[in-house]
């Protein structure tokens, strides 16, 4: 059942508390056919592909444990919210409900807000912001306003959230201009590659659905879930690396790979060298 073949939620009249939780009440419907492989899961592969977030969150906590020992709050917060992204995205694709859609999109918004609040470099603060505490308040106000605006047109939220990635790419470019570590540049390039594949999958599913249905392969949104999780496996250590450089100058961050630097498939993390002794 496709979005164009059923009455959208916005066309069904005034919503009730019960209707917003009902199956197929969301404003969006992805390319994968509904209830083709299960009677209770609307989009089967789009649902189970969110397992990638259940791997991402503990991996970040475990591999970056040295950073976690120094700054536990940011990593715990972001990892917990990434887990929420996986849970709510799974719920949304399982039910295609209006509430599921909002939870899916708002969990991404709040994850980005928390990451910005903790990790946004002070050198890029607006001139009116003097310290991290003031920036936290600014981020909180913007996030609350954005959350309220999300209820006006939920289907538009996904485009706005994807546009934030371009700002992250711009910040990465600014930081790479200052960094001479070739390993950092290489990891940033790999991150961009995975993100490029992820956003291509998202766009392909959204705008070329009829083509994929013709060849009976409407699964690109499930690829998006896996690819964006892989991209975040590279993005988060990169952000942590720059955060240590700015906020923890007594430590020297070093990018490492698990299980070994020599393996063909690896997961990056940040190791901390011992603090420099102060005279």
Protein backbone atom coordinates (compact mmCIF):
# COMPACT_ATOMS: atom_id res chain seq x y z
CA UNK A 1 0.00 0.00 0.00
CA UNK A 2 1.67 3.25 -1.10
CA UNK A 3 1.20 6.82 0.13
CA UNK A 4 -0.60 7.75 -3.07
CA UNK A 5 -3.03 4.83 -2.76
CA UNK A 6 -4.35 5.58 0.70
CA UNK A 7 -5.86 8.64 2.33
CA UNK A 8 -3.13 10.58 4.10
CA UNK A 9 -3.49 11.47 7.76
CA UNK A 10 -3.87 15.16 6.94
CA UNK A 11 -6.86 14.33 4.72
CA UNK A 12 -8.71 12.36 7.38
CA UNK A 13 -10.03 15.38 9.25
CA UNK A 14 -9.38 16.45 12.81
CA UNK A 15 -7.15 13.91 14.56
CA UNK A 16 -8.18 12.20 17.78
CA UNK A 17 -5.90 10.90 20.51
CA UNK A 18 -6.56 7.35 19.33
CA UNK A 19 -6.08 8.03 15.62
CA UNK A 20 -2.56 9.46 16.00
CA UNK A 21 -1.40 6.10 17.36
CA UNK A 22 -3.15 4.04 14.68
CA UNK A 23 -1.34 2.18 11.91
CA UNK A 24 -0.81 4.10 8.64
CA UNK A 25 -1.77 7.46 10.19
CA UNK A 26 1.62 9.04 9.35
CA UNK A 27 2.00 11.68 6.64
CA UNK A 28 4.80 9.72 4.94
CA UNK A 29 5.02 6.21 3.58
CA UNK A 30 8.31 4.86 2.26
CA UNK A 31 8.81 2.79 -0.85
CA UNK A 32 8.81 -0.65 0.74
CA UNK A 33 5.43 -2.38 0.49
CA UNK A 34 3.32 -2.47 3.65
CA UNK A 35 2.57 -5.72 5.51
CA UNK A 36 4.14 -7.87 2.79
CA UNK A 37 6.20 -10.01 5.18
CA UNK A 38 4.35 -9.58 8.44
CA UNK A 39 0.82 -8.83 9.62
CA UNK A 40 2.06 -6.55 12.42
CA UNK A 41 5.11 -4.88 10.82
CA UNK A 42 4.20 -2.37 8.09
CA UNK A 43 7.68 -2.00 6.56
CA UNK A 44 9.63 -5.10 7.47
CA UNK A 45 13.16 -4.28 6.24
CA UNK A 46 12.90 -0.62 7.14
CA UNK A 47 12.09 -1.76 10.67
CA UNK A 48 14.74 -4.41 11.27
CA UNK A 49 17.51 -2.34 9.65
CA UNK A 50 17.37 -0.07 12.72
CA UNK A 51 19.25 -2.79 14.60
CA UNK A 52 22.35 -0.95 13.32
CA UNK A 53 21.67 1.78 15.92
CA UNK A 54 21.57 -0.83 18.69
CA UNK A 55 25.13 -1.75 17.69
CA UNK A 56 26.28 1.86 17.17
CA UNK A 57 25.45 3.15 20.64
CA UNK A 58 27.32 0.57 22.79
CA UNK A 59 30.21 0.54 20.29
CA UNK A 60 30.77 4.27 20.80
CA UNK A 61 30.70 3.87 24.57
CA UNK A 62 33.01 0.86 24.66
CA UNK A 63 35.62 1.92 22.13
CA UNK A 64 35.91 5.52 23.33
CA UNK A 65 36.12 4.54 26.99
CA UNK A 66 39.20 6.68 27.65
CA UNK A 67 37.29 9.77 26.57
CA UNK A 68 34.27 8.55 28.52
CA UNK A 69 36.36 8.42 31.68
CA UNK A 70 37.20 12.11 31.25
CA UNK A 71 33.92 13.43 29.88
CA UNK A 72 31.24 10.85 30.58
CA UNK A 73 28.15 13.06 30.32
CA UNK A 74 28.36 14.02 26.62
CA UNK A 75 29.10 10.51 25.40
CA UNK A 76 26.44 8.88 27.59
CA UNK A 77 23.84 11.44 26.51
CA UNK A 78 24.56 11.16 22.80
CA UNK A 79 24.82 7.35 22.89
CA UNK A 80 21.51 7.07 24.76
CA UNK A 81 19.78 9.37 22.28
CA UNK A 82 21.18 7.43 19.32
CA UNK A 83 19.65 4.34 20.90
CA UNK A 84 16.35 6.23 21.13
CA UNK A 85 16.65 7.09 17.43
CA UNK A 86 16.85 3.37 16.66
CA UNK A 87 13.92 2.50 18.94
CA UNK A 88 11.62 5.24 17.65
CA UNK A 89 12.56 4.67 14.01
CA UNK A 90 11.78 0.99 14.48
CA UNK A 91 8.42 1.87 16.03
CA UNK A 92 7.63 4.30 13.22
CA UNK A 93 8.39 1.90 10.38
CA UNK A 94 6.59 -0.91 12.17
CA UNK A 95 3.37 1.10 12.52
CA UNK A 96 3.65 4.08 10.13
CA UNK A 97 1.75 5.99 12.81
CA UNK A 98 1.63 9.75 13.25
CA UNK A 99 3.11 9.48 16.75
CA UNK A 100 5.84 7.17 15.44
CA UNK A 101 6.74 9.69 12.74
CA UNK A 102 7.05 12.52 15.27
CA UNK A 103 9.08 10.42 17.72
CA UNK A 104 11.40 9.33 14.93
CA UNK A 105 12.08 12.85 13.71
CA UNK A 106 12.20 14.54 17.13
CA UNK A 107 14.65 11.96 18.49
CA UNK A 108 17.03 12.90 15.66
CA UNK A 109 16.49 16.61 16.36
CA UNK A 110 17.25 16.21 20.07
CA UNK A 111 20.29 14.04 19.38
CA UNK A 112 21.71 16.74 17.12
CA UNK A 113 20.83 19.42 19.69
CA UNK A 114 22.64 17.60 22.50
CA UNK A 115 25.66 16.89 20.31
CA UNK A 116 25.87 20.57 19.32
CA UNK A 117 25.41 21.67 22.93
CA UNK A 118 28.28 19.58 24.24
CA UNK A 119 30.66 19.46 21.29
CA UNK A 120 30.22 22.62 19.22
CA UNK A 121 33.62 24.37 19.32
CA UNK A 122 33.70 27.60 21.30
CA UNK A 123 35.60 29.36 18.51
CA UNK A 124 32.43 29.20 16.39
CA UNK A 125 30.08 30.57 19.08
CA UNK A 126 28.11 33.69 18.10
CA UNK A 127 29.70 36.85 19.46
CA UNK A 128 26.88 37.35 21.94
CA UNK A 129 27.61 33.97 23.55
CA UNK A 130 30.40 34.14 26.10
CA UNK A 131 30.59 30.59 27.47
CA UNK A 132 29.30 27.02 27.12
CA UNK A 133 26.50 27.58 29.64
CA UNK A 134 25.02 30.39 27.57
CA UNK A 135 25.34 28.26 24.44
CA UNK A 136 23.45 25.43 26.17
CA UNK A 137 20.59 27.83 26.86
CA UNK A 138 20.60 29.04 23.27
CA UNK A 139 20.59 25.46 21.95
CA UNK A 140 17.78 24.55 24.34
CA UNK A 141 15.57 27.44 23.24
CA UNK A 142 16.15 26.73 19.53
CA UNK A 143 15.44 23.03 20.08
CA UNK A 144 12.19 23.68 21.96
CA UNK A 145 10.98 26.10 19.27
CA UNK A 146 11.98 23.62 16.53
CA UNK A 147 10.16 20.84 18.39
CA UNK A 148 6.94 22.88 18.52
CA UNK A 149 7.27 23.80 14.84
CA UNK A 150 7.71 20.12 13.98
CA UNK A 151 4.04 19.50 14.80
CA UNK A 152 2.93 21.92 12.08
CA UNK A 153 4.24 19.91 9.12
CA UNK A 154 5.98 16.68 10.24
CA UNK A 155 6.69 15.52 6.68
CA UNK A 156 8.94 18.56 6.17
CA UNK A 157 11.11 17.72 9.19
CA UNK A 158 13.21 15.09 7.45
CA UNK A 159 14.44 17.58 4.84
CA UNK A 160 15.42 20.12 7.49
CA UNK A 161 17.27 17.49 9.55
CA UNK A 162 19.19 16.29 6.50
CA UNK A 163 20.21 19.89 5.72
CA UNK A 164 21.94 20.11 9.11
CA UNK A 165 24.42 17.56 7.77
CA UNK A 166 25.74 20.21 5.38
CA UNK A 167 26.61 22.44 8.31
CA UNK A 168 28.42 19.54 9.95
CA UNK A 169 30.35 18.95 6.74
CA UNK A 170 31.25 22.64 6.62
CA UNK A 171 32.56 22.54 10.21
CA UNK A 172 34.56 19.40 9.40
CA UNK A 173 36.14 21.17 6.44
CA UNK A 174 37.04 24.15 8.64
CA UNK A 175 38.69 21.90 11.21
CA UNK A 176 40.56 19.82 8.65
CA UNK A 177 42.18 22.99 7.34
CA UNK A 178 43.83 23.36 10.77
CA UNK A 179 44.74 19.68 11.19
CA UNK A 180 47.85 18.08 9.69
CA UNK A 181 47.19 14.53 10.90
CA UNK A 182 46.75 12.42 7.74
CA UNK A 183 44.80 9.79 9.67
CA UNK A 184 42.20 12.41 10.63
CA UNK A 185 41.87 13.53 7.00
CA UNK A 186 41.51 9.93 5.85
CA UNK A 187 38.82 9.17 8.43
CA UNK A 188 36.91 12.33 7.47
CA UNK A 189 37.01 11.23 3.82
CA UNK A 190 35.64 7.80 4.73
CA UNK A 191 32.91 9.42 6.84
CA UNK A 192 31.86 11.62 3.91
CA UNK A 193 31.86 8.60 1.60
CA UNK A 194 29.48 6.66 3.88
CA UNK A 195 27.30 9.74 4.36
CA UNK A 196 27.18 10.25 0.59
CA UNK A 197 26.03 6.67 0.07
CA UNK A 198 23.47 7.07 2.86
CA UNK A 199 21.90 10.29 1.58
CA UNK A 200 21.87 8.89 -1.96
CA UNK A 201 19.89 5.90 -0.69
CA UNK A 202 17.46 8.20 1.14
CA UNK A 203 16.89 10.35 -1.94
CA UNK A 204 16.61 7.32 -4.22
CA UNK A 205 13.91 5.77 -2.05
CA UNK A 206 12.04 9.07 -1.72
CA UNK A 207 12.05 10.22 -5.33
CA UNK A 208 12.60 7.12 -7.47
CA UNK A 209 10.19 4.78 -5.76
CA UNK A 210 8.30 3.84 -8.93
CA UNK A 211 11.56 2.69 -10.54
CA UNK A 212 12.47 0.43 -7.62
CA UNK A 213 8.95 -0.99 -7.49
CA UNK A 214 9.20 -1.78 -11.19
CA UNK A 215 12.28 -3.92 -10.59
CA UNK A 216 10.87 -5.21 -7.28
CA UNK A 217 13.66 -3.73 -5.11
CA UNK A 218 12.11 -0.98 -2.92
CA UNK A 219 14.58 -1.29 -0.02
CA UNK A 220 16.82 1.76 -0.26
CA UNK A 221 15.46 3.36 2.91
CA UNK A 222 16.63 0.34 4.89
CA UNK A 223 20.08 0.88 3.34
CA UNK A 224 19.89 4.46 4.62
CA UNK A 225 19.54 3.23 8.21
CA UNK A 226 22.60 1.01 8.00
CA UNK A 227 24.76 3.43 6.01
CA UNK A 228 24.04 6.45 8.22
CA UNK A 229 24.87 4.37 11.30
CA UNK A 230 28.21 3.43 9.73
CA UNK A 231 28.81 7.09 8.89
CA UNK A 232 28.17 8.01 12.54
CA UNK A 233 30.73 5.40 13.61
CA UNK A 234 33.28 7.63 11.87
CA UNK A 235 31.65 10.99 12.59
CA UNK A 236 31.44 10.68 16.39
CA UNK A 237 35.14 9.82 16.95
CA UNK A 238 36.05 12.67 14.61
CA UNK A 239 33.96 15.11 16.65
CA UNK A 240 35.43 13.71 19.87
CA UNK A 241 38.94 14.17 18.46
CA UNK A 242 38.34 17.88 17.80
CA UNK A 243 36.56 18.30 21.14
CA UNK A 244 39.62 16.98 22.98
CA UNK A 245 41.82 19.35 21.02
CA UNK A 246 39.73 22.34 22.15
CA UNK A 247 38.42 21.36 25.58
CA UNK A 248 41.14 19.05 26.93
CA UNK A 249 44.45 20.56 25.78
CA UNK A 250 46.48 18.62 28.36
CA UNK A 251 45.60 15.41 26.48
CA UNK A 252 46.79 14.41 23.04
CA UNK A 253 44.08 12.57 21.05
CA UNK A 254 45.06 9.79 18.68
CA UNK A 255 42.85 7.93 16.23
CA UNK A 256 43.00 4.14 16.52
CA UNK A 257 41.14 1.30 14.84
CA UNK A 258 39.42 -1.75 16.31
CA UNK A 259 40.19 -4.62 16.22
CA UNK A 260 43.54 -3.70 14.64
CA UNK A 261 45.01 -1.09 12.30
CA UNK A 262 45.97 -3.87 9.88
CA UNK A 263 42.47 -5.32 9.44
CA UNK A 264 40.64 -4.53 6.16
CA UNK A 265 37.38 -3.72 8.00
CA UNK A 266 37.85 -1.57 11.09
CA UNK A 267 35.96 0.70 13.49
CA UNK A 268 37.67 3.96 14.52
CA UNK A 269 37.91 5.32 18.06
CA UNK A 270 39.87 7.95 19.96
CA UNK A 271 42.68 7.05 22.34
CA UNK A 272 44.14 9.52 24.81
CA UNK A 273 47.81 9.84 25.53
CA UNK A 274 48.82 10.70 29.09
CA UNK A 275 48.47 14.36 30.03
CA UNK A 276 51.58 16.45 29.58
CA UNK A 277 53.26 17.18 32.87
CA UNK A 278 52.93 20.77 33.97
CA UNK A 279 56.02 22.56 35.32
